[in-house]
Every structure is written in C-alpha cells, then in structure tokens.
Amino acid sequence: MKKTPLFLMAVSAIALASCSEDEPVSVRQATNEAISFRSAMGTRATETTNANLSKIYVSAIFGDSTVNSSTKKMDGYKYSLYFDNAEFDKGADSFFTAANGKEYAWLSPKQQINFFAYSPSQDELGADIIMKDDNSGMTLESFAVPENIADQVDFITANASGTRDDNETSGVELTFDHRLSQIELRAKSENDNYTYKVIGARIGRPQYMGTFDFNTNEWTLDDWHDTVIYDIACDTTTLSATPVSIMGANGNAMLMPQTLTPWDYKNDPDNVAREAYLSVLVNITRTDNGMQIYPFPIESEFTHKPVREYGWASIPLSSTWEQGKKYIYTLDFTNGAGTTDPDDPYPGTKIIGGPIKFTVQVNDWVDANTEKVYDMNGKEVK
C-alpha cells in the first residue's frame, strides 16, 4: 500500500439551478393596489426550494431626491422606510401577499420602491435584521451558525424594485439566492486489506459568526474569528468503492462562507491555532483476520483503559467556501487513513504507515573444522 495519507476529493462551486418540478410563475389580474410578490429560487439546496417556500419577510424603502438649501442643487436621495420585516404568505395562486390581514398599497404610479426580502424569520435565524440608519438598506447582525446541524437553516435573500405601473398586476418577482455554503462529506475505500466502519464525521474549526449586508450581498466575518467543531453522527457504514454520504439523518451542513486555513498537524498537532480539518469516526480492522488496526491497540498499555472501538481519522482542510455553492468532499481511505484528530490523546499521529518491510542478510557457512563419528547405537567413536 502506498505511503499516502487519507485522500480528499472535493467537488466545489456547484450552483444548482432550479429544477423543472418547481412551481411555474403565474400572473393574475389585480383586484386592488396591494403589493404582492412572485418568488423564484436562483439556486437550489437541500433546505429551501420554490416548492417548499411558504413565507418570506420583506422590508420596503423608497427614495426622495433632496435639494441642498444653500446651493439649491440636488444632493442625492433621502430614503424613507415604507414597511419593515413584514411577513408575506404564499397563496394558492403562488403569489405572496401580506399576512395577518395587513395590506401594503402601491404608492404613486411611477414611485419606485426597493424591496429587501429574506427567509426564514429572524427568530429562526437567531439574529436581528436591522435597517440602516439612513434607511438605505439592512443587515443581518451577528448571525451565528448553530453548532447542531439539525438546527441550521438555509438563509436566502432577494433584492428587487418595482412601481405601481409595472408591477401592480404582475407582482414583483423576487429571485432568491442561498447565502450560506452547503457542505457534504462522503467516504469510500477500495482497499481490500482493511475494513473501514464509519459512525460519524466532524467538520473542524471553521468560523461561524458574521454579519450580512443586504445591499452588497456580502458577509463580514466576526472580528474575533472564533471557530467551532461540527460533530455528525451517522448509521454504521462499511466503506466500499462507491462513495457514500456520512452526514447522517440531519442532512448537509449550512455553514458560513469563508476561506479556511488548514491544520498544521506536524507542527501544531494539538491545533492551538484552531485551524480547519475534517475527521471521520472510524474503526479499521484487517479484513483477513479481523485484528483491530485503529484505534491503536497499544493505547490500553498507556491509558489503562479498554481499547476504543472507534477513533477519529483526520486530514487538514484547505478550501474557500462561497455563498450559494455546495461542496462535496469525498474522503478516500484507499491509500491511507490520515492522522489522529487534534483532540486525540496522541494528536497528529499517522494512522496507517507503509507496508511492513524486512531487510534480509544470509551469512555464509562457517566450517567448524570438526568431524564426529557415531556408531548406530549412538555412541561417539571418534
């Protein structure tokens, strides 16, 4: 077997287009001047699609040209807030209209209104969406990706503008984009010498906090650059040549877009720098006799504890995650198993070395210069 570590294959930058089964956009005749929206997903991920999007939240502003009182010249725009974080529900006609009996009417026929929309709600996001002081737009403040993948959400946003003349009948089309990065881990092995059983995975030390600007559609990561470990449990999976997802019942992770610095397992095995890595919770045995290779059997001599059945096999992670992209990482155990996890008793230790080899030397015969003679009764006669 080659002396290569656990191999990583990444399929990145996959922007998935809306699928054909998504609901078609419809057009209706207006019965009043109420503002309504039509939704379309610019990209598609596990959590939110055109089909399952039922609520959106919208803020609306409009600009008035202002005149400098001293120069009598136009200085720009003064933005006014029309409505803020209003809930709109999807109706049977696929239009989204104001919820709870509220109604927001169009203004004068040619007055442009700018809309900022998002989903899910602020409560589900666990962070506040705040209008800027000058009413020019808004931000999602200090959003933190939940540590439990089951609690993570698909944050989507859309910006649009419209006027009464153009959109009273057709509605305003909102094209939503995903603002987080979707991460999936898979694993495989084509090595017949070892049997790999996996019960979990770990995405180690990405940053998890940031602020999103609805005007620029960009994230600013938290100044503290704090990181977190995302642990994943899955059903016991025996690896084969076919890659299989090890993300478990909670599905793929929705994480903060960022550029990752890989863990330096040689010079910083304990990962004091808190840099990025991937781990797989694995049991490795020899296929021919079932002997456990990892976790290391020798551990019991030092810890005086029973040998663990499963241990973390890790690799450094160097990658850039962009918003709205899905990244599939396939961890290939065919030619190695990486190193022990930063939290292991012996972090950064290579799990499977190269094949055992021997150097062989056969010495020449040396004549003892001795000759003995025995009779058939076993008696030495000479």
Protein backbone atom coordinates (compact mmCIF):
# COMPACT_ATOMS: atom_id res chain seq x y z
CA MET A 1 0.00 0.00 0.00
CA LYS A 2 1.33 3.45 -0.85
CA LYS A 3 2.58 5.76 1.88
CA THR A 4 -0.08 8.34 1.19
CA PRO A 5 -2.48 9.89 3.69
CA LEU A 6 -6.22 9.86 3.63
CA PHE A 7 -7.11 11.38 0.28
CA LEU A 8 -9.61 14.16 -0.19
CA MET A 9 -11.62 14.79 -3.32
CA ALA A 10 -13.63 18.00 -3.37
CA VAL A 11 -16.38 18.79 -5.83
CA SER A 12 -16.88 22.50 -5.31
CA ALA A 13 -18.64 25.51 -6.71
CA ILE A 14 -21.79 23.68 -7.68
CA ALA A 15 -24.54 26.24 -8.19
CA LEU A 16 -27.64 24.15 -8.66
CA ALA A 17 -30.31 25.68 -10.88
CA SER A 18 -33.99 25.43 -10.13
CA CYS A 19 -35.47 22.15 -11.26
CA SER A 20 -38.33 21.62 -13.63
CA GLU A 21 -40.70 20.42 -10.93
CA ASP A 22 -40.67 23.85 -9.26
CA GLU A 23 -43.94 25.70 -9.43
CA PRO A 24 -44.42 27.86 -12.54
CA VAL A 25 -44.73 31.58 -12.16
CA SER A 26 -48.31 32.71 -12.67
CA VAL A 27 -49.88 36.07 -13.48
CA ARG A 28 -53.16 37.33 -12.09
CA GLN A 29 -55.36 40.34 -12.57
CA ALA A 30 -55.11 42.85 -9.76
CA THR A 31 -58.24 43.50 -7.72
CA ASN A 32 -56.66 46.33 -5.70
CA GLU A 33 -53.41 48.20 -5.28
CA ALA A 34 -51.86 45.83 -2.71
CA ILE A 35 -48.21 44.91 -3.19
CA SER A 36 -47.61 41.22 -3.92
CA PHE A 37 -44.57 39.12 -4.85
CA ARG A 38 -43.68 36.15 -7.03
CA SER A 39 -40.76 34.04 -5.84
CA ALA A 40 -38.10 32.14 -7.78
CA MET A 41 -35.02 30.39 -6.46
CA GLY A 42 -31.81 31.49 -8.11
CA THR A 43 -30.04 28.37 -6.80
CA ARG A 44 -31.24 25.28 -5.07
CA ALA A 45 -30.11 23.44 -1.93
CA THR A 46 -31.45 20.88 0.49
CA GLU A 47 -33.47 23.17 2.72
CA THR A 48 -35.38 25.72 0.62
CA THR A 49 -36.92 25.37 -2.85
CA ASN A 50 -39.66 27.07 -4.81
CA ALA A 51 -41.95 24.22 -3.78
CA ASN A 52 -41.47 24.48 -0.01
CA LEU A 53 -41.02 28.24 0.39
CA SER A 54 -44.26 29.38 2.04
CA LYS A 55 -43.29 32.53 3.98
CA ILE A 56 -41.00 35.42 3.20
CA TYR A 57 -40.16 38.59 5.10
CA VAL A 58 -39.83 41.89 3.28
CA SER A 59 -38.75 45.46 4.01
CA ALA A 60 -39.52 48.30 1.59
CA ILE A 61 -37.92 51.70 1.14
CA PHE A 62 -38.26 54.49 -1.40
CA GLY A 63 -36.02 57.43 -2.21
CA ASP A 64 -36.89 61.10 -2.47
CA SER A 65 -34.48 63.46 -4.24
CA THR A 66 -33.16 66.10 -1.87
CA VAL A 67 -32.02 69.67 -2.57
CA ASN A 68 -29.21 71.37 -0.68
CA SER A 69 -30.71 74.51 0.86
CA SER A 70 -27.56 76.57 0.34
CA THR A 71 -26.60 75.57 -3.21
CA LYS A 72 -30.11 74.78 -4.44
CA LYS A 73 -28.61 71.74 -6.17
CA MET A 74 -29.73 68.14 -5.92
CA ASP A 75 -27.59 66.24 -3.40
CA GLY A 76 -28.97 62.75 -3.86
CA TYR A 77 -31.65 60.72 -2.17
CA LYS A 78 -33.23 60.63 1.20
CA TYR A 79 -34.52 57.15 1.89
CA SER A 80 -37.82 56.58 3.65
CA LEU A 81 -38.89 53.32 5.25
CA TYR A 82 -42.28 52.11 4.00
CA PHE A 83 -42.56 48.81 5.88
CA ASP A 84 -40.08 46.74 7.86
CA ASN A 85 -39.69 42.95 8.15
CA ALA A 86 -43.30 42.37 7.13
CA GLU A 87 -44.46 38.79 6.72
CA PHE A 88 -45.85 37.70 3.33
CA ASP A 89 -47.56 34.33 2.87
CA LYS A 90 -47.84 32.22 -0.25
CA GLY A 91 -51.34 31.89 -1.63
CA ALA A 92 -52.96 29.28 -3.85
CA ASP A 93 -52.10 31.39 -6.89
CA SER A 94 -48.36 31.28 -5.95
CA PHE A 95 -48.31 34.99 -5.11
CA PHE A 96 -47.06 36.14 -1.71
CA THR A 97 -49.30 38.72 -0.04
CA ALA A 98 -49.12 40.44 3.34
CA ALA A 99 -50.03 38.16 6.25
CA ASN A 100 -52.37 38.65 9.20
CA GLY A 101 -54.89 40.74 7.28
CA LYS A 102 -52.41 43.51 6.56
CA GLU A 103 -52.13 45.20 3.20
CA TYR A 104 -49.47 47.48 1.75
CA ALA A 105 -50.67 49.56 -1.18
CA TRP A 106 -48.60 50.80 -4.09
CA LEU A 107 -47.70 54.48 -3.99
CA SER A 108 -47.97 56.90 -6.90
CA PRO A 109 -47.87 55.20 -10.33
CA LYS A 110 -44.19 55.82 -11.05
CA GLN A 111 -42.75 55.86 -7.50
CA GLN A 112 -40.04 53.20 -7.35
CA ILE A 113 -39.98 51.09 -4.22
CA ASN A 114 -36.94 48.99 -3.32
CA PHE A 115 -37.55 45.65 -1.62
CA PHE A 116 -35.26 43.54 0.57
CA ALA A 117 -36.60 40.04 1.22
CA TYR A 118 -35.38 37.04 3.17
CA SER A 119 -36.32 33.70 4.69
CA PRO A 120 -36.56 32.17 7.27
CA SER A 121 -37.70 34.53 10.05
CA GLN A 122 -35.47 36.41 12.44
CA ASP A 123 -36.49 34.01 15.22
CA GLU A 124 -35.41 31.02 13.16
CA LEU A 125 -32.17 32.75 12.19
CA GLY A 126 -31.49 33.60 15.82
CA ALA A 127 -30.28 37.10 14.90
CA ASP A 128 -31.71 40.56 14.26
CA ILE A 129 -32.25 42.11 10.84
CA ILE A 130 -31.78 45.84 11.25
CA MET A 131 -32.50 48.74 8.93
CA LYS A 132 -29.51 51.03 8.38
CA ASP A 133 -29.61 54.47 10.00
CA ASP A 134 -30.20 56.22 6.67
CA ASN A 135 -32.87 53.66 5.61
CA SER A 136 -30.81 52.74 2.55
CA GLY A 137 -30.84 49.01 3.29
CA MET A 138 -30.46 46.49 6.09
CA THR A 139 -28.11 43.98 7.72
CA LEU A 140 -28.37 40.62 9.45
CA GLU A 141 -26.39 41.34 12.61
CA SER A 142 -24.02 38.86 14.29
CA PHE A 143 -25.54 35.73 12.82
CA ALA A 144 -24.15 32.53 14.36
CA VAL A 145 -24.41 29.15 12.61
CA PRO A 146 -25.83 26.69 15.17
CA GLU A 147 -23.40 24.02 16.36
CA ASN A 148 -26.05 21.33 15.90
CA ILE A 149 -26.56 20.65 12.19
CA ALA A 150 -30.22 19.80 12.85
CA ASP A 151 -30.73 23.43 13.94
CA GLN A 152 -29.05 25.00 10.91
CA VAL A 153 -31.19 26.83 8.35
CA ASP A 154 -30.92 27.76 4.70
CA PHE A 155 -30.72 31.57 4.74
CA ILE A 156 -31.94 33.06 1.44
CA THR A 157 -32.34 36.68 0.33
CA ALA A 158 -33.58 38.67 -2.66
CA ASN A 159 -33.48 42.31 -3.72
CA ALA A 160 -35.87 43.88 -6.23
CA SER A 161 -37.60 47.12 -7.13
CA GLY A 162 -40.94 47.93 -8.67
CA THR A 163 -43.55 50.55 -9.42
CA ARG A 164 -47.30 50.57 -9.44
CA ASP A 165 -47.40 50.96 -13.22
CA ASP A 166 -45.11 48.00 -13.83
CA ASN A 167 -45.95 45.56 -11.05
CA GLU A 168 -49.45 46.09 -9.72
CA THR A 169 -50.84 43.32 -11.93
CA SER A 170 -47.88 41.02 -12.38
CA GLY A 171 -46.45 41.30 -8.87
CA VAL A 172 -42.78 41.87 -8.06
CA GLU A 173 -40.55 38.92 -8.92
CA LEU A 174 -38.10 38.07 -6.15
CA THR A 175 -35.22 35.82 -7.16
CA PHE A 176 -33.73 34.34 -4.01
CA ASP A 177 -30.15 33.18 -3.62
CA HIS A 178 -28.65 31.00 -0.89
CA ARG A 179 -26.31 32.98 1.35
CA LEU A 180 -24.58 30.14 3.20
CA SER A 181 -22.34 27.34 1.92
CA GLN A 182 -23.66 23.79 1.86
CA ILE A 183 -21.18 21.08 2.91
CA GLU A 184 -21.49 17.33 2.40
CA LEU A 185 -18.97 14.68 3.47
CA ARG A 186 -18.73 11.31 1.74
CA ALA A 187 -16.31 8.41 2.23
CA LYS A 188 -15.04 5.42 0.24
CA SER A 189 -12.31 2.77 0.18
CA GLU A 190 -11.08 0.38 -2.50
CA ASN A 191 -8.50 -1.25 -0.21
CA ASP A 192 -9.27 -4.96 0.26
CA ASN A 193 -6.68 -5.36 3.04
CA TYR A 194 -8.61 -3.24 5.53
CA THR A 195 -12.26 -2.97 6.55
CA TYR A 196 -13.41 0.54 7.43
CA LYS A 197 -16.57 1.08 9.51
CA VAL A 198 -17.74 4.67 9.98
CA ILE A 199 -20.22 6.01 12.55
CA GLY A 200 -19.64 9.75 12.31
CA ALA A 201 -17.80 12.72 10.91
CA ARG A 202 -16.52 16.09 12.03
CA ILE A 203 -16.04 19.48 10.34
CA GLY A 204 -13.38 21.07 12.46
CA ARG A 205 -12.78 24.72 13.23
CA PRO A 206 -14.47 26.88 10.58
CA GLN A 207 -15.59 30.34 11.66
CA TYR A 208 -19.28 30.50 12.49
CA MET A 209 -20.26 34.15 13.08
CA GLY A 210 -20.78 37.02 10.67
CA THR A 211 -22.89 39.98 9.55
CA PHE A 212 -24.68 40.02 6.19
CA ASP A 213 -25.27 43.23 4.19
CA PHE A 214 -28.44 43.10 2.09
CA ASN A 215 -27.21 45.91 -0.18
CA THR A 216 -23.93 44.28 -1.19
CA ASN A 217 -24.97 40.66 -0.53
CA GLU A 218 -21.68 40.13 1.27
CA TRP A 219 -20.65 38.68 4.62
CA THR A 220 -18.27 40.26 7.13
CA LEU A 221 -16.90 37.62 9.48
CA ASP A 222 -16.85 38.27 13.20
CA ASP A 223 -13.79 40.23 14.38
CA TRP A 224 -12.96 37.57 16.98
CA HIS A 225 -12.56 34.91 14.28
CA ASP A 226 -13.95 32.32 16.67
CA THR A 227 -14.26 28.75 15.41
CA VAL A 228 -16.34 25.69 16.23
CA ILE A 229 -16.40 21.92 15.70
CA TYR A 230 -19.45 20.42 13.98
CA ASP A 231 -19.95 16.79 15.04
CA ILE A 232 -22.06 14.48 12.87
CA ALA A 233 -23.49 11.07 13.72
CA CYS A 234 -24.48 8.51 11.08
CA ASP A 235 -25.56 4.88 10.95
CA THR A 236 -22.73 2.33 10.93
CA THR A 237 -21.40 2.32 7.37
CA THR A 238 -18.86 -0.13 5.93
CA LEU A 239 -16.94 1.65 3.21
CA SER A 240 -16.68 0.32 -0.32
CA ALA A 241 -15.53 1.60 -3.70
CA THR A 242 -18.77 3.58 -4.04
CA PRO A 243 -18.69 6.92 -2.16
CA VAL A 244 -21.47 7.21 0.42
CA SER A 245 -22.69 10.20 2.41
CA ILE A 246 -21.75 10.15 6.10
CA MET A 247 -23.83 13.20 7.04
CA GLY A 248 -26.48 11.22 8.94
CA ALA A 249 -30.18 11.92 9.38
CA ASN A 250 -29.79 15.70 9.76
CA GLY A 251 -28.53 16.20 6.22
CA ASN A 252 -25.87 18.52 4.92
CA ALA A 253 -24.34 21.38 6.86
CA MET A 254 -25.17 25.04 6.09
CA LEU A 255 -22.05 26.96 7.10
CA MET A 256 -20.54 30.42 6.92
CA PRO A 257 -18.81 31.31 3.62
CA GLN A 258 -15.08 31.77 4.24
CA THR A 259 -11.51 30.86 3.33
CA LEU A 260 -10.13 28.12 5.57
CA THR A 261 -6.57 27.81 6.87
CA PRO A 262 -5.58 24.12 7.08
CA TRP A 263 -4.49 22.50 10.36
CA ASP A 264 -0.71 22.04 10.56
CA TYR A 265 -0.70 18.56 12.11
CA LYS A 266 3.10 18.27 12.02
CA ASN A 267 4.00 21.49 13.80
CA ASP A 268 0.78 22.07 15.74
CA PRO A 269 -0.69 18.61 16.46
CA ASP A 270 -2.90 19.94 19.28
CA ASN A 271 -4.25 22.60 16.88
CA VAL A 272 -3.60 25.50 19.22
CA ALA A 273 -4.12 27.77 16.20
CA ARG A 274 -7.65 26.34 15.82
CA GLU A 275 -7.34 25.74 12.09
CA ALA A 276 -9.57 23.70 9.77
CA TYR A 277 -9.71 19.94 9.33
CA LEU A 278 -12.10 17.09 8.52
CA SER A 279 -12.40 13.91 10.60
CA VAL A 280 -14.12 10.56 10.24
CA LEU A 281 -15.06 8.44 13.28
CA VAL A 282 -13.82 5.07 12.08
CA ASN A 283 -12.93 1.53 13.11
CA ILE A 284 -10.21 -0.11 10.98
CA THR A 285 -9.58 -3.85 11.05
CA ARG A 286 -7.64 -6.28 8.91
CA THR A 287 -10.01 -7.96 6.50
CA ASP A 288 -8.28 -11.36 6.70
CA ASN A 289 -8.26 -11.89 10.47
CA GLY A 290 -10.34 -9.07 11.97
CA MET A 291 -7.48 -7.61 14.01
CA GLN A 292 -8.14 -4.01 15.02
CA ILE A 293 -5.68 -1.59 13.46
CA TYR A 294 -7.26 1.66 14.61
CA PRO A 295 -7.89 2.85 17.26
CA PHE A 296 -4.40 1.65 18.15
CA PRO A 297 -4.49 -1.47 20.38
CA ILE A 298 -1.35 -0.26 22.19
CA GLU A 299 -3.31 2.61 23.74
CA SER A 300 -4.53 0.39 26.58
CA GLU A 301 -0.99 -0.05 27.89
CA PHE A 302 -0.66 3.71 28.44
CA THR A 303 -4.19 4.70 29.43
CA HIS A 304 -5.10 1.55 31.38
CA LYS A 305 -8.50 1.72 29.72
CA PRO A 306 -10.21 -0.66 27.31
CA VAL A 307 -9.24 -0.13 23.70
CA ARG A 308 -11.67 2.26 21.98
CA GLU A 309 -13.77 0.75 19.24
CA TYR A 310 -13.78 3.93 17.12
CA GLY A 311 -11.36 6.81 16.72
CA TRP A 312 -11.08 9.99 14.66
CA ALA A 313 -9.10 9.87 11.40
CA SER A 314 -8.32 13.38 10.20
CA ILE A 315 -6.92 15.48 7.38
CA PRO A 316 -6.23 19.24 7.13
CA LEU A 317 -8.82 21.22 5.17
CA SER A 318 -7.73 23.99 2.81
CA SER A 319 -10.67 25.43 0.91
CA THR A 320 -12.69 28.52 0.09
CA TRP A 321 -16.43 28.28 0.63
CA GLU A 322 -18.54 30.69 -1.42
CA GLN A 323 -22.13 31.53 -0.62
CA GLY A 324 -24.72 29.70 -2.65
CA LYS A 325 -22.34 26.87 -3.52
CA LYS A 326 -22.47 23.22 -2.48
CA TYR A 327 -19.19 21.46 -1.68
CA ILE A 328 -18.94 17.67 -1.66
CA TYR A 329 -15.82 16.25 -0.01
CA THR A 330 -15.12 12.56 -0.62
CA LEU A 331 -12.67 11.13 1.91
CA ASP A 332 -10.86 8.27 0.20
CA PHE A 333 -9.29 5.67 2.53
CA THR A 334 -7.90 3.51 -0.29
CA ASN A 335 -4.27 4.57 0.18
CA GLY A 336 -4.19 5.64 3.80
CA ALA A 337 -6.18 6.87 6.78
CA GLY A 338 -4.75 10.28 7.59
CA THR A 339 -3.70 11.17 11.13
CA THR A 340 -5.24 11.15 14.57
CA ASP A 341 -7.56 14.03 15.45
CA PRO A 342 -6.32 17.18 17.26
CA ASP A 343 -8.38 16.05 20.29
CA ASP A 344 -6.89 12.53 20.30
CA PRO A 345 -4.55 11.52 23.16
CA TYR A 346 -1.81 11.33 20.52
CA PRO A 347 -2.81 14.05 18.02
CA GLY A 348 -1.35 14.28 14.56
CA THR A 349 -0.06 10.70 14.52
CA LYS A 350 -0.11 8.86 11.21
CA ILE A 351 -2.69 6.08 11.48
CA ILE A 352 -1.52 3.58 8.88
CA GLY A 353 2.12 3.51 7.89
CA GLY A 354 3.63 2.00 4.80
CA PRO A 355 3.71 -1.79 4.35
CA ILE A 356 5.95 -3.74 6.71
CA LYS A 357 9.29 -4.47 5.06
CA PHE A 358 12.33 -6.52 6.10
CA THR A 359 15.97 -6.27 5.21
CA VAL A 360 17.44 -9.78 4.89
CA GLN A 361 21.06 -10.91 5.10
CA VAL A 362 22.18 -14.56 5.00
CA ASN A 363 25.61 -15.21 6.44
CA ASP A 364 27.99 -17.65 4.72
CA TRP A 365 28.53 -21.05 6.24
CA VAL A 366 31.49 -21.25 8.60
CA ASP A 367 33.36 -24.58 8.75
CA ALA A 368 33.73 -25.64 12.37
CA ASN A 369 36.65 -27.88 11.43
CA THR A 370 35.13 -30.68 13.48
CA GLU A 371 34.24 -34.19 12.35
CA LYS A 372 32.47 -36.67 14.63
CA VAL A 373 31.75 -40.38 14.10
CA TYR A 374 28.93 -42.28 15.84
CA ASP A 375 28.05 -45.93 15.75
CA MET A 376 24.44 -46.96 15.23
CA ASN A 377 23.97 -47.24 18.98
CA GLY A 378 24.52 -43.51 19.24
CA LYS A 379 27.96 -43.82 20.77
CA GLU A 380 30.65 -41.38 19.66
CA VAL A 381 33.61 -43.44 18.47
CA LYS A 382 35.76 -40.58 17.18
